[in-house]
Amino acid sequence: MDRLTSMAVFVRAVDLGSFAAAADVLEMSGPMVGKHVRFLEERLGARLLNRTTRRQSLTEAGQAYYERCRAVLAEADAADAVVADELSEPRGKLRVTMPALLGRHCIAPLLMKLARKYPHLELDLSFGDPIADIIEAGYDLAIRTGDLDDQSGLIARRVARQRMVVCGARSYLRANGKPKTLDDLAAHQAIIYRRSGRVRPWLFPQDDKPPREMMPSGRLRLDDMEAIADAAAQGMGLAWLPYWLVRERLNAGALVGLFVGQNEFLYDCHVLWPRSPRLPAKVRVAVDTLAAALPKLMA
């Protein structure tokens, strides 16, 4: 007899309190239920149930075996569920929160491809400032760059690294000269990214040391990176921006990358989602898609 089937019959007989009740639920005869239990007892060399005409009770060995059988059957069900989930088509609403620019340029196009591929998948995308508590807000996924805050109740997976570049227009470089070293940046106009009243330093990696921080100075302060890229292309100063945002301008010659060949600072890009016993197919497919495609867009 199949041991796993016999375990399932044994557990059901214990849960329902009698062979007859288990037989009704399992759609088999009472003697067959007894046969499964005897098969286990003979295999183990121990009595699992004490039975009289009025009641049945677990022996000490039977109680221990019952608990382990429940755990084994739960694991078997979970294994079946994993395979079923792998084979199931992503469906339902996928709610994602992400930074606005990164979302529009990199994340949303990839998720749109998923929506075209899976007709039963719905997208509910939010572009803007990070949501403090994605679980409370009801999001399935959150995209974050840089250092992560409290991750309690969340799973985080790094899916890409955001490469930062210093760049400027040819007109600016002709008028002001091209900086050859990082120290030269102090003599140049920077277009400053200011968000929530805070100016972010420009960061440059150093071998076996923390990144070097340089606080930019200049007369333009903007809270939108795309506006900074536009101002840099107009010759208003130098900018420190994600490569994915200025890639087309660099390729077209509207902007020139500086310090080419030197190591550039990399911001980690993570996908976060709430912990759960089973990862829904819609979340799994989205995370795997981002992990496969984002590095090509961002680095």
C-alpha atoms as a PDB file:
ATOM      1  CA  MET A   1       0.000   0.000   0.000  1.00  0.00           C
ATOM      2  CA  ASP A   2       1.064   3.607  -0.498  1.00  0.00           C
ATOM      3  CA  ARG A   3       2.457   4.896   2.800  1.00  0.00           C
ATOM      4  CA  LEU A   4       1.443   8.542   2.216  1.00  0.00           C
ATOM      5  CA  THR A   5      -2.125   7.497   1.424  1.00  0.00           C
ATOM      6  CA  SER A   6      -2.239   5.342   4.549  1.00  0.00           C
ATOM      7  CA  MET A   7      -0.964   8.290   6.610  1.00  0.00           C
ATOM      8  CA  ALA A   8      -3.736  10.479   5.211  1.00  0.00           C
ATOM      9  CA  VAL A   9      -6.367   7.839   6.054  1.00  0.00           C
ATOM     10  CA  PHE A  10      -4.956   7.423   9.568  1.00  0.00           C
ATOM     11  CA  VAL A  11      -4.983  11.192  10.229  1.00  0.00           C
ATOM     12  CA  ARG A  12      -8.554  11.494   8.938  1.00  0.00           C
ATOM     13  CA  ALA A  13      -9.686   8.594  11.145  1.00  0.00           C
ATOM     14  CA  VAL A  14      -8.158  10.268  14.195  1.00  0.00           C
ATOM     15  CA  ASP A  15      -9.601  13.689  13.327  1.00  0.00           C
ATOM     16  CA  LEU A  16     -13.116  12.329  12.780  1.00  0.00           C
ATOM     17  CA  GLY A  17     -13.059   9.947  15.722  1.00  0.00           C
ATOM     18  CA  SER A  18     -13.980   6.699  13.930  1.00  0.00           C
ATOM     19  CA  PHE A  19     -13.191   4.487  10.957  1.00  0.00           C
ATOM     20  CA  ALA A  20     -16.792   4.752   9.773  1.00  0.00           C
ATOM     21  CA  ALA A  21     -16.730   8.562   9.664  1.00  0.00           C
ATOM     22  CA  ALA A  22     -13.391   8.513   7.839  1.00  0.00           C
ATOM     23  CA  ALA A  23     -14.768   5.969   5.376  1.00  0.00           C
ATOM     24  CA  ASP A  24     -17.729   8.222   4.547  1.00  0.00           C
ATOM     25  CA  VAL A  25     -15.545  11.259   3.929  1.00  0.00           C
ATOM     26  CA  LEU A  26     -12.887   9.358   1.989  1.00  0.00           C
ATOM     27  CA  GLU A  27     -15.487   7.371   0.030  1.00  0.00           C
ATOM     28  CA  MET A  28     -14.037   4.005   0.898  1.00  0.00           C
ATOM     29  CA  SER A  29     -15.255   1.098   3.013  1.00  0.00           C
ATOM     30  CA  GLY A  30     -14.736   0.877   6.761  1.00  0.00           C
ATOM     31  CA  PRO A  31     -12.637  -2.276   6.420  1.00  0.00           C
ATOM     32  CA  MET A  32     -10.382  -0.464   3.932  1.00  0.00           C
ATOM     33  CA  VAL A  33      -9.777   2.306   6.475  1.00  0.00           C
ATOM     34  CA  GLY A  34      -8.817  -0.368   8.980  1.00  0.00           C
ATOM     35  CA  LYS A  35      -6.545  -1.998   6.433  1.00  0.00           C
ATOM     36  CA  HIS A  36      -4.613   1.250   5.937  1.00  0.00           C
ATOM     37  CA  VAL A  37      -4.159   1.679   9.693  1.00  0.00           C
ATOM     38  CA  ARG A  38      -3.035  -1.960  10.137  1.00  0.00           C
ATOM     39  CA  PHE A  39      -0.559  -1.492   7.275  1.00  0.00           C
ATOM     40  CA  LEU A  40       1.061   1.360   9.192  1.00  0.00           C
ATOM     41  CA  GLU A  41       1.038  -0.535  12.493  1.00  0.00           C
ATOM     42  CA  GLU A  42       2.628  -3.607  10.909  1.00  0.00           C
ATOM     43  CA  ARG A  43       5.223  -1.479   9.153  1.00  0.00           C
ATOM     44  CA  LEU A  44       6.074   0.354  12.378  1.00  0.00           C
ATOM     45  CA  GLY A  45       5.772  -2.650  14.668  1.00  0.00           C
ATOM     46  CA  ALA A  46       3.663  -0.607  17.096  1.00  0.00           C
ATOM     47  CA  ARG A  47      -0.022  -0.139  17.874  1.00  0.00           C
ATOM     48  CA  LEU A  48      -1.287   3.337  16.907  1.00  0.00           C
ATOM     49  CA  LEU A  49      -4.922   3.118  18.043  1.00  0.00           C
ATOM     50  CA  ASN A  50      -6.738   1.444  20.912  1.00  0.00           C
ATOM     51  CA  ARG A  51     -10.231   0.534  19.673  1.00  0.00           C
ATOM     52  CA  THR A  52     -13.292  -0.729  21.467  1.00  0.00           C
ATOM     53  CA  THR A  53     -16.869  -1.092  20.233  1.00  0.00           C
ATOM     54  CA  ARG A  54     -17.677   2.380  21.559  1.00  0.00           C
ATOM     55  CA  ARG A  55     -14.557   4.498  21.112  1.00  0.00           C
ATOM     56  CA  GLN A  56     -11.020   4.722  19.841  1.00  0.00           C
ATOM     57  CA  SER A  57      -8.002   6.462  21.327  1.00  0.00           C
ATOM     58  CA  LEU A  58      -4.432   7.054  20.332  1.00  0.00           C
ATOM     59  CA  THR A  59      -1.637   5.165  22.010  1.00  0.00           C
ATOM     60  CA  GLU A  60       1.415   7.137  23.136  1.00  0.00           C
ATOM     61  CA  ALA A  61       3.234   6.034  19.979  1.00  0.00           C
ATOM     62  CA  GLY A  62       0.128   6.798  17.955  1.00  0.00           C
ATOM     63  CA  GLN A  63      -0.051  10.372  19.277  1.00  0.00           C
ATOM     64  CA  ALA A  64       3.571  11.057  18.299  1.00  0.00           C
ATOM     65  CA  TYR A  65       3.074   9.427  14.905  1.00  0.00           C
ATOM     66  CA  TYR A  66      -0.161  11.371  14.313  1.00  0.00           C
ATOM     67  CA  GLU A  67       1.612  14.709  14.882  1.00  0.00           C
ATOM     68  CA  ARG A  68       4.419  13.785  12.481  1.00  0.00           C
ATOM     69  CA  CYS A  69       1.940  12.538   9.872  1.00  0.00           C
ATOM     70  CA  ARG A  70       0.117  15.864   9.953  1.00  0.00           C
ATOM     71  CA  ALA A  71       3.416  17.685   9.341  1.00  0.00           C
ATOM     72  CA  VAL A  72       4.415  15.335   6.516  1.00  0.00           C
ATOM     73  CA  LEU A  73       1.036  15.674   4.793  1.00  0.00           C
ATOM     74  CA  ALA A  74       1.163  19.473   5.121  1.00  0.00           C
ATOM     75  CA  GLU A  75       4.616  19.498   3.493  1.00  0.00           C
ATOM     76  CA  ALA A  76       3.355  17.240   0.697  1.00  0.00           C
ATOM     77  CA  ASP A  77       0.417  19.586   0.083  1.00  0.00           C
ATOM     78  CA  ALA A  78       2.787  22.571   0.049  1.00  0.00           C
ATOM     79  CA  ALA A  79       5.031  20.836  -2.500  1.00  0.00           C
ATOM     80  CA  ASP A  80       2.023  20.155  -4.728  1.00  0.00           C
ATOM     81  CA  ALA A  81       0.942  23.779  -4.354  1.00  0.00           C
ATOM     82  CA  VAL A  82       4.366  25.041  -5.455  1.00  0.00           C
ATOM     83  CA  VAL A  83       4.184  23.040  -8.672  1.00  0.00           C
ATOM     84  CA  ALA A  84       0.575  24.058  -9.262  1.00  0.00           C
ATOM     85  CA  ASP A  85       1.538  27.685  -8.717  1.00  0.00           C
ATOM     86  CA  GLU A  86       4.458  27.346 -11.155  1.00  0.00           C
ATOM     87  CA  LEU A  87       2.086  26.049 -13.792  1.00  0.00           C
ATOM     88  CA  SER A  88      -0.709  28.512 -13.125  1.00  0.00           C
ATOM     89  CA  GLU A  89      -1.050  31.651 -15.192  1.00  0.00           C
ATOM     90  CA  PRO A  90      -0.569  34.947 -13.330  1.00  0.00           C
ATOM     91  CA  ARG A  91      -3.929  36.553 -12.755  1.00  0.00           C
ATOM     92  CA  GLY A  92      -5.648  39.136 -10.615  1.00  0.00           C
ATOM     93  CA  LYS A  93      -4.644  42.646  -9.602  1.00  0.00           C
ATOM     94  CA  LEU A  94      -0.934  43.376  -9.110  1.00  0.00           C
ATOM     95  CA  ARG A  95      -0.467  46.565  -7.076  1.00  0.00           C
ATOM     96  CA  VAL A  96       3.022  48.093  -7.361  1.00  0.00           C
ATOM     97  CA  THR A  97       4.477  51.287  -5.882  1.00  0.00           C
ATOM     98  CA  MET A  98       7.670  52.776  -7.331  1.00  0.00           C
ATOM     99  CA  PRO A  99       9.680  55.986  -7.712  1.00  0.00           C
ATOM    100  CA  ALA A 100       8.104  58.105 -10.455  1.00  0.00           C
ATOM    101  CA  LEU A 101      10.974  58.469 -12.931  1.00  0.00           C
ATOM    102  CA  LEU A 102      12.421  54.997 -12.477  1.00  0.00           C
ATOM    103  CA  GLY A 103       8.911  53.636 -12.742  1.00  0.00           C
ATOM    104  CA  ARG A 104       8.063  55.436 -15.979  1.00  0.00           C
ATOM    105  CA  HIS A 105      11.412  54.767 -17.671  1.00  0.00           C
ATOM    106  CA  CYS A 106      12.232  51.240 -16.515  1.00  0.00           C
ATOM    107  CA  ILE A 107       9.648  49.448 -14.355  1.00  0.00           C
ATOM    108  CA  ALA A 108       6.335  50.207 -16.062  1.00  0.00           C
ATOM    109  CA  PRO A 109       7.474  49.176 -19.585  1.00  0.00           C
ATOM    110  CA  LEU A 110       8.484  45.751 -18.250  1.00  0.00           C
ATOM    111  CA  LEU A 111       5.222  45.303 -16.362  1.00  0.00           C
ATOM    112  CA  MET A 112       3.261  46.362 -19.458  1.00  0.00           C
ATOM    113  CA  LYS A 113       4.932  43.532 -21.356  1.00  0.00           C
ATOM    114  CA  LEU A 114       3.744  41.147 -18.650  1.00  0.00           C
ATOM    115  CA  ALA A 115       0.199  42.485 -18.944  1.00  0.00           C
ATOM    116  CA  ARG A 116       0.274  41.908 -22.695  1.00  0.00           C
ATOM    117  CA  LYS A 117       1.572  38.382 -22.181  1.00  0.00           C
ATOM    118  CA  TYR A 118      -0.948  37.429 -19.483  1.00  0.00           C
ATOM    119  CA  PRO A 119      -4.474  38.663 -20.321  1.00  0.00           C
ATOM    120  CA  HIS A 120      -5.838  37.838 -16.853  1.00  0.00           C
ATOM    121  CA  LEU A 121      -3.244  40.004 -15.076  1.00  0.00           C
ATOM    122  CA  GLU A 122      -4.379  43.468 -13.951  1.00  0.00           C
ATOM    123  CA  LEU A 123      -1.931  46.278 -13.130  1.00  0.00           C
ATOM    124  CA  ASP A 124      -2.480  48.952 -10.477  1.00  0.00           C
ATOM    125  CA  LEU A 125       0.686  51.099 -10.535  1.00  0.00           C
ATOM    126  CA  SER A 126       1.556  54.002  -8.249  1.00  0.00           C
ATOM    127  CA  PHE A 127       4.311  56.467  -9.170  1.00  0.00           C
ATOM    128  CA  GLY A 128       5.669  58.823  -6.529  1.00  0.00           C
ATOM    129  CA  ASP A 129       7.232  59.116  -3.112  1.00  0.00           C
ATOM    130  CA  PRO A 130       7.878  55.843  -1.254  1.00  0.00           C
ATOM    131  CA  ILE A 131       4.973  54.424   0.741  1.00  0.00           C
ATOM    132  CA  ALA A 132       5.988  54.042   4.375  1.00  0.00           C
ATOM    133  CA  ASP A 133       4.062  50.806   4.970  1.00  0.00           C
ATOM    134  CA  ILE A 134       3.329  48.817   1.824  1.00  0.00           C
ATOM    135  CA  ILE A 135       1.513  46.088   3.771  1.00  0.00           C
ATOM    136  CA  GLU A 136      -0.914  48.534   5.339  1.00  0.00           C
ATOM    137  CA  ALA A 137      -1.360  50.269   1.968  1.00  0.00           C
ATOM    138  CA  GLY A 138      -2.169  46.945   0.321  1.00  0.00           C
ATOM    139  CA  TYR A 139       0.650  46.774  -2.241  1.00  0.00           C
ATOM    140  CA  ASP A 140       1.928  43.491  -3.662  1.00  0.00           C
ATOM    141  CA  LEU A 141       5.319  44.927  -4.642  1.00  0.00           C
ATOM    142  CA  ALA A 142       7.435  47.988  -3.921  1.00  0.00           C
ATOM    143  CA  ILE A 143      10.485  49.184  -5.842  1.00  0.00           C
ATOM    144  CA  ARG A 144      13.203  50.910  -3.797  1.00  0.00           C
ATOM    145  CA  THR A 145      16.633  52.308  -4.628  1.00  0.00           C
ATOM    146  CA  GLY A 146      19.423  53.011  -2.159  1.00  0.00           C
ATOM    147  CA  ASP A 147      19.461  51.925   1.478  1.00  0.00           C
ATOM    148  CA  LEU A 148      16.415  50.112   2.787  1.00  0.00           C
ATOM    149  CA  ASP A 149      14.499  51.165   5.887  1.00  0.00           C
ATOM    150  CA  ASP A 150      12.704  48.780   8.231  1.00  0.00           C
ATOM    151  CA  GLN A 151      11.871  45.542   6.388  1.00  0.00           C
ATOM    152  CA  SER A 152       9.828  43.808   9.080  1.00  0.00           C
ATOM    153  CA  GLY A 153       7.227  41.591   7.478  1.00  0.00           C
ATOM    154  CA  LEU A 154       8.814  42.016   4.033  1.00  0.00           C
ATOM    155  CA  ILE A 155      11.030  40.050   1.685  1.00  0.00           C
ATOM    156  CA  ALA A 156      13.647  42.098  -0.202  1.00  0.00           C
ATOM    157  CA  ARG A 157      15.462  41.004  -3.351  1.00  0.00           C
ATOM    158  CA  ARG A 158      18.100  43.067  -5.117  1.00  0.00           C
ATOM    159  CA  VAL A 159      17.223  43.027  -8.804  1.00  0.00           C
ATOM    160  CA  ALA A 160      19.632  45.622 -10.272  1.00  0.00           C
ATOM    161  CA  ARG A 161      22.173  48.324  -9.495  1.00  0.00           C
ATOM    162  CA  GLN A 162      21.603  51.921 -10.579  1.00  0.00           C
ATOM    163  CA  ARG A 163      24.771  53.379 -12.098  1.00  0.00           C
ATOM    164  CA  MET A 164      25.332  57.104 -11.472  1.00  0.00           C
ATOM    165  CA  VAL A 165      27.227  59.320 -13.944  1.00  0.00           C
ATOM    166  CA  VAL A 166      28.509  62.893 -13.951  1.00  0.00           C
ATOM    167  CA  CYS A 167      27.611  64.610 -17.199  1.00  0.00           C
ATOM    168  CA  GLY A 168      27.350  68.003 -18.854  1.00  0.00           C
ATOM    169  CA  ALA A 169      26.638  69.653 -22.215  1.00  0.00           C
ATOM    170  CA  ARG A 170      29.412  70.343 -24.711  1.00  0.00           C
ATOM    171  CA  SER A 171      28.538  74.041 -24.579  1.00  0.00           C
ATOM    172  CA  TYR A 172      29.117  74.123 -20.830  1.00  0.00           C
ATOM    173  CA  LEU A 173      32.404  72.218 -21.114  1.00  0.00           C
ATOM    174  CA  ARG A 174      33.679  74.552 -23.878  1.00  0.00           C
ATOM    175  CA  ALA A 175      32.900  77.595 -21.750  1.00  0.00           C
ATOM    176  CA  ASN A 176      34.109  76.256 -18.391  1.00  0.00           C
ATOM    177  CA  GLY A 177      36.602  73.519 -19.173  1.00  0.00           C
ATOM    178  CA  LYS A 178      36.368  69.798 -18.578  1.00  0.00           C
ATOM    179  CA  PRO A 179      37.102  68.600 -15.031  1.00  0.00           C
ATOM    180  CA  LYS A 180      39.890  66.052 -15.033  1.00  0.00           C
ATOM    181  CA  THR A 181      39.695  64.979 -11.379  1.00  0.00           C
ATOM    182  CA  LEU A 182      37.011  64.874  -8.718  1.00  0.00           C
ATOM    183  CA  ASP A 183      38.709  67.781  -6.957  1.00  0.00           C
ATOM    184  CA  ASP A 184      38.114  69.898 -10.084  1.00  0.00           C
ATOM    185  CA  LEU A 185      34.330  69.607  -9.528  1.00  0.00           C
ATOM    186  CA  ALA A 186      34.512  72.198  -6.755  1.00  0.00           C
ATOM    187  CA  ALA A 187      35.227  74.890  -9.386  1.00  0.00           C
ATOM    188  CA  HIS A 188      32.150  74.006 -11.464  1.00  0.00           C
ATOM    189  CA  GLN A 189      28.460  74.835 -11.340  1.00  0.00           C
ATOM    190  CA  ALA A 190      26.413  71.839 -10.271  1.00  0.00           C
ATOM    191  CA  ILE A 191      22.706  71.393 -10.871  1.00  0.00           C
ATOM    192  CA  ILE A 192      21.576  70.319  -7.437  1.00  0.00           C
ATOM    193  CA  TYR A 193      18.977  67.677  -6.650  1.00  0.00           C
ATOM    194  CA  ARG A 194      17.030  68.768  -3.600  1.00  0.00           C
ATOM    195  CA  ARG A 195      14.199  66.637  -2.253  1.00  0.00           C
ATOM    196  CA  SER A 196      12.191  67.286   0.911  1.00  0.00           C
ATOM    197  CA  GLY A 197      14.556  70.116   1.797  1.00  0.00           C
ATOM    198  CA  ARG A 198      17.601  67.856   1.640  1.00  0.00           C
ATOM    199  CA  VAL A 199      20.520  68.143  -0.780  1.00  0.00           C
ATOM    200  CA  ARG A 200      21.978  64.765  -1.615  1.00  0.00           C
ATOM    201  CA  PRO A 201      25.788  64.482  -1.920  1.00  0.00           C
ATOM    202  CA  TRP A 202      27.444  63.094  -5.012  1.00  0.00           C
ATOM    203  CA  LEU A 203      29.082  59.772  -4.183  1.00  0.00           C
ATOM    204  CA  PHE A 204      32.177  58.227  -5.746  1.00  0.00           C
ATOM    205  CA  PRO A 205      33.511  54.754  -4.874  1.00  0.00           C
ATOM    206  CA  GLN A 206      36.987  54.288  -3.436  1.00  0.00           C
ATOM    207  CA  ASP A 207      38.863  51.005  -3.251  1.00  0.00           C
ATOM    208  CA  ASP A 208      38.354  49.351   0.145  1.00  0.00           C
ATOM    209  CA  LYS A 209      37.022  52.607   1.606  1.00  0.00           C
ATOM    210  CA  PRO A 210      33.610  54.207   2.102  1.00  0.00           C
ATOM    211  CA  PRO A 211      32.433  56.259  -0.913  1.00  0.00           C
ATOM    212  CA  ARG A 212      33.800  59.769  -1.216  1.00  0.00           C
ATOM    213  CA  GLU A 213      31.080  62.359  -0.663  1.00  0.00           C
ATOM    214  CA  MET A 214      31.078  65.643  -2.526  1.00  0.00           C
ATOM    215  CA  MET A 215      28.444  68.242  -1.718  1.00  0.00           C
ATOM    216  CA  PRO A 216      27.507  69.976  -4.989  1.00  0.00           C
ATOM    217  CA  SER A 217      27.276  73.761  -5.186  1.00  0.00           C
ATOM    218  CA  GLY A 218      25.462  75.826  -7.776  1.00  0.00           C
ATOM    219  CA  ARG A 219      22.654  78.268  -8.356  1.00  0.00           C
ATOM    220  CA  LEU A 220      20.066  75.760  -9.622  1.00  0.00           C
ATOM    221  CA  ARG A 221      18.213  73.519  -7.173  1.00  0.00           C
ATOM    222  CA  LEU A 222      15.543  71.212  -8.583  1.00  0.00           C
ATOM    223  CA  ASP A 223      13.485  68.400  -7.077  1.00  0.00           C
ATOM    224  CA  ASP A 224      13.018  66.476 -10.334  1.00  0.00           C
ATOM    225  CA  MET A 225      15.871  64.516 -11.932  1.00  0.00           C
ATOM    226  CA  GLU A 226      14.453  64.764 -15.441  1.00  0.00           C
ATOM    227  CA  ALA A 227      14.357  68.543 -15.101  1.00  0.00           C
ATOM    228  CA  ILE A 228      18.002  68.388 -13.980  1.00  0.00           C
ATOM    229  CA  ALA A 229      18.879  66.381 -17.101  1.00  0.00           C
ATOM    230  CA  ASP A 230      17.099  68.984 -19.241  1.00  0.00           C
ATOM    231  CA  ALA A 231      18.985  71.841 -17.547  1.00  0.00           C
ATOM    232  CA  ALA A 232      22.300  70.023 -17.980  1.00  0.00           C
ATOM    233  CA  ALA A 233      21.581  69.514 -21.695  1.00  0.00           C
ATOM    234  CA  GLN A 234      20.965  73.265 -21.960  1.00  0.00           C
ATOM    235  CA  GLY A 235      24.460  73.978 -20.626  1.00  0.00           C
ATOM    236  CA  MET A 236      23.422  75.184 -17.180  1.00  0.00           C
ATOM    237  CA  GLY A 237      25.935  73.084 -15.258  1.00  0.00           C
ATOM    238  CA  LEU A 238      27.091  69.572 -14.433  1.00  0.00           C
ATOM    239  CA  ALA A 239      24.722  66.911 -13.161  1.00  0.00           C
ATOM    240  CA  TRP A 240      25.047  63.607 -11.283  1.00  0.00           C
ATOM    241  CA  LEU A 241      22.289  61.369 -12.586  1.00  0.00           C
ATOM    242  CA  PRO A 242      21.294  57.733 -13.157  1.00  0.00           C
ATOM    243  CA  TYR A 243      22.642  56.347 -16.391  1.00  0.00           C
ATOM    244  CA  TRP A 244      19.232  55.017 -17.461  1.00  0.00           C
ATOM    245  CA  LEU A 245      17.838  58.549 -17.337  1.00  0.00           C
ATOM    246  CA  VAL A 246      20.520  60.171 -19.533  1.00  0.00           C
ATOM    247  CA  ARG A 247      21.455  57.216 -21.745  1.00  0.00           C
ATOM    248  CA  GLU A 248      19.672  58.571 -24.841  1.00  0.00           C
ATOM    249  CA  ARG A 249      21.118  62.073 -24.343  1.00  0.00           C
ATOM    250  CA  LEU A 250      24.608  60.592 -23.979  1.00  0.00           C
ATOM    251  CA  ASN A 251      24.202  58.481 -27.111  1.00  0.00           C
ATOM    252  CA  ALA A 252      22.874  61.462 -29.055  1.00  0.00           C
ATOM    253  CA  GLY A 253      25.689  63.745 -27.866  1.00  0.00           C
ATOM    254  CA  ALA A 254      23.366  66.157 -26.027  1.00  0.00           C
ATOM    255  CA  LEU A 255      25.314  65.286 -22.873  1.00  0.00           C
ATOM    256  CA  VAL A 256      28.905  64.144 -22.370  1.00  0.00           C
ATOM    257  CA  GLY A 257      29.842  61.666 -19.663  1.00  0.00           C
ATOM    258  CA  LEU A 258      32.771  62.652 -17.455  1.00  0.00           C
ATOM    259  CA  PHE A 259      35.375  60.533 -15.674  1.00  0.00           C
ATOM    260  CA  VAL A 260      34.840  57.737 -18.190  1.00  0.00           C
ATOM    261  CA  GLY A 261      36.722  54.613 -17.149  1.00  0.00           C
ATOM    262  CA  GLN A 262      36.571  55.402 -13.452  1.00  0.00           C
ATOM    263  CA  ASN A 263      34.356  53.430 -11.109  1.00  0.00           C
ATOM    264  CA  GLU A 264      30.879  54.897 -10.840  1.00  0.00           C
ATOM    265  CA  PHE A 265      28.682  54.769  -7.782  1.00  0.00           C
ATOM    266  CA  LEU A 266      25.995  52.088  -7.828  1.00  0.00           C
ATOM    267  CA  TYR A 267      22.697  52.389  -5.972  1.00  0.00           C
ATOM    268  CA  ASP A 268      21.067  49.049  -5.216  1.00  0.00           C
ATOM    269  CA  CYS A 269      17.565  48.584  -6.586  1.00  0.00           C
ATOM    270  CA  HIS A 270      15.357  46.231  -4.575  1.00  0.00           C
ATOM    271  CA  VAL A 271      11.943  44.698  -4.995  1.00  0.00           C
ATOM    272  CA  LEU A 272      10.054  44.185  -1.733  1.00  0.00           C
ATOM    273  CA  TRP A 273       6.909  42.186  -1.061  1.00  0.00           C
ATOM    274  CA  PRO A 274       4.987  41.012   2.030  1.00  0.00           C
ATOM    275  CA  ARG A 275       5.978  37.697   3.564  1.00  0.00           C
ATOM    276  CA  SER A 276       3.512  34.892   2.898  1.00  0.00           C
ATOM    277  CA  PRO A 277       3.570  31.057   2.991  1.00  0.00           C
ATOM    278  CA  ARG A 278       3.026  30.962  -0.784  1.00  0.00           C
ATOM    279  CA  LEU A 279       4.241  33.503  -3.293  1.00  0.00           C
ATOM    280  CA  PRO A 280       1.387  34.265  -5.729  1.00  0.00           C
ATOM    281  CA  ALA A 281       2.178  33.574  -9.370  1.00  0.00           C
ATOM    282  CA  LYS A 282       1.590  37.233 -10.285  1.00  0.00           C
ATOM    283  CA  VAL A 283       4.229  38.374  -7.775  1.00  0.00           C
ATOM    284  CA  ARG A 284       6.721  35.654  -8.663  1.00  0.00           C
ATOM    285  CA  VAL A 285       6.529  36.378 -12.385  1.00  0.00           C
ATOM    286  CA  ALA A 286       6.860  40.134 -11.838  1.00  0.00           C
ATOM    287  CA  VAL A 287       9.909  39.771  -9.568  1.00  0.00           C
ATOM    288  CA  ASP A 288      11.621  37.315 -11.927  1.00  0.00           C
ATOM    289  CA  THR A 289      10.930  39.575 -14.909  1.00  0.00           C
ATOM    290  CA  LEU A 290      12.401  42.626 -13.185  1.00  0.00           C
ATOM    291  CA  ALA A 291      15.452  40.673 -12.003  1.00  0.00           C
ATOM    292  CA  ALA A 292      16.121  39.448 -15.540  1.00  0.00           C
ATOM    293  CA  ALA A 293      15.548  42.691 -17.442  1.00  0.00           C
ATOM    294  CA  LEU A 294      16.348  45.640 -15.138  1.00  0.00           C
ATOM    295  CA  PRO A 295      20.147  45.196 -15.008  1.00  0.00           C
ATOM    296  CA  LYS A 296      20.328  45.738 -18.779  1.00  0.00           C
ATOM    297  CA  LEU A 297      18.348  48.980 -18.474  1.00  0.00           C
ATOM    298  CA  MET A 298      20.068  50.424 -15.428  1.00  0.00           C
ATOM    299  CA  ALA A 299      23.754  49.546 -15.757  1.00  0.00           C
END
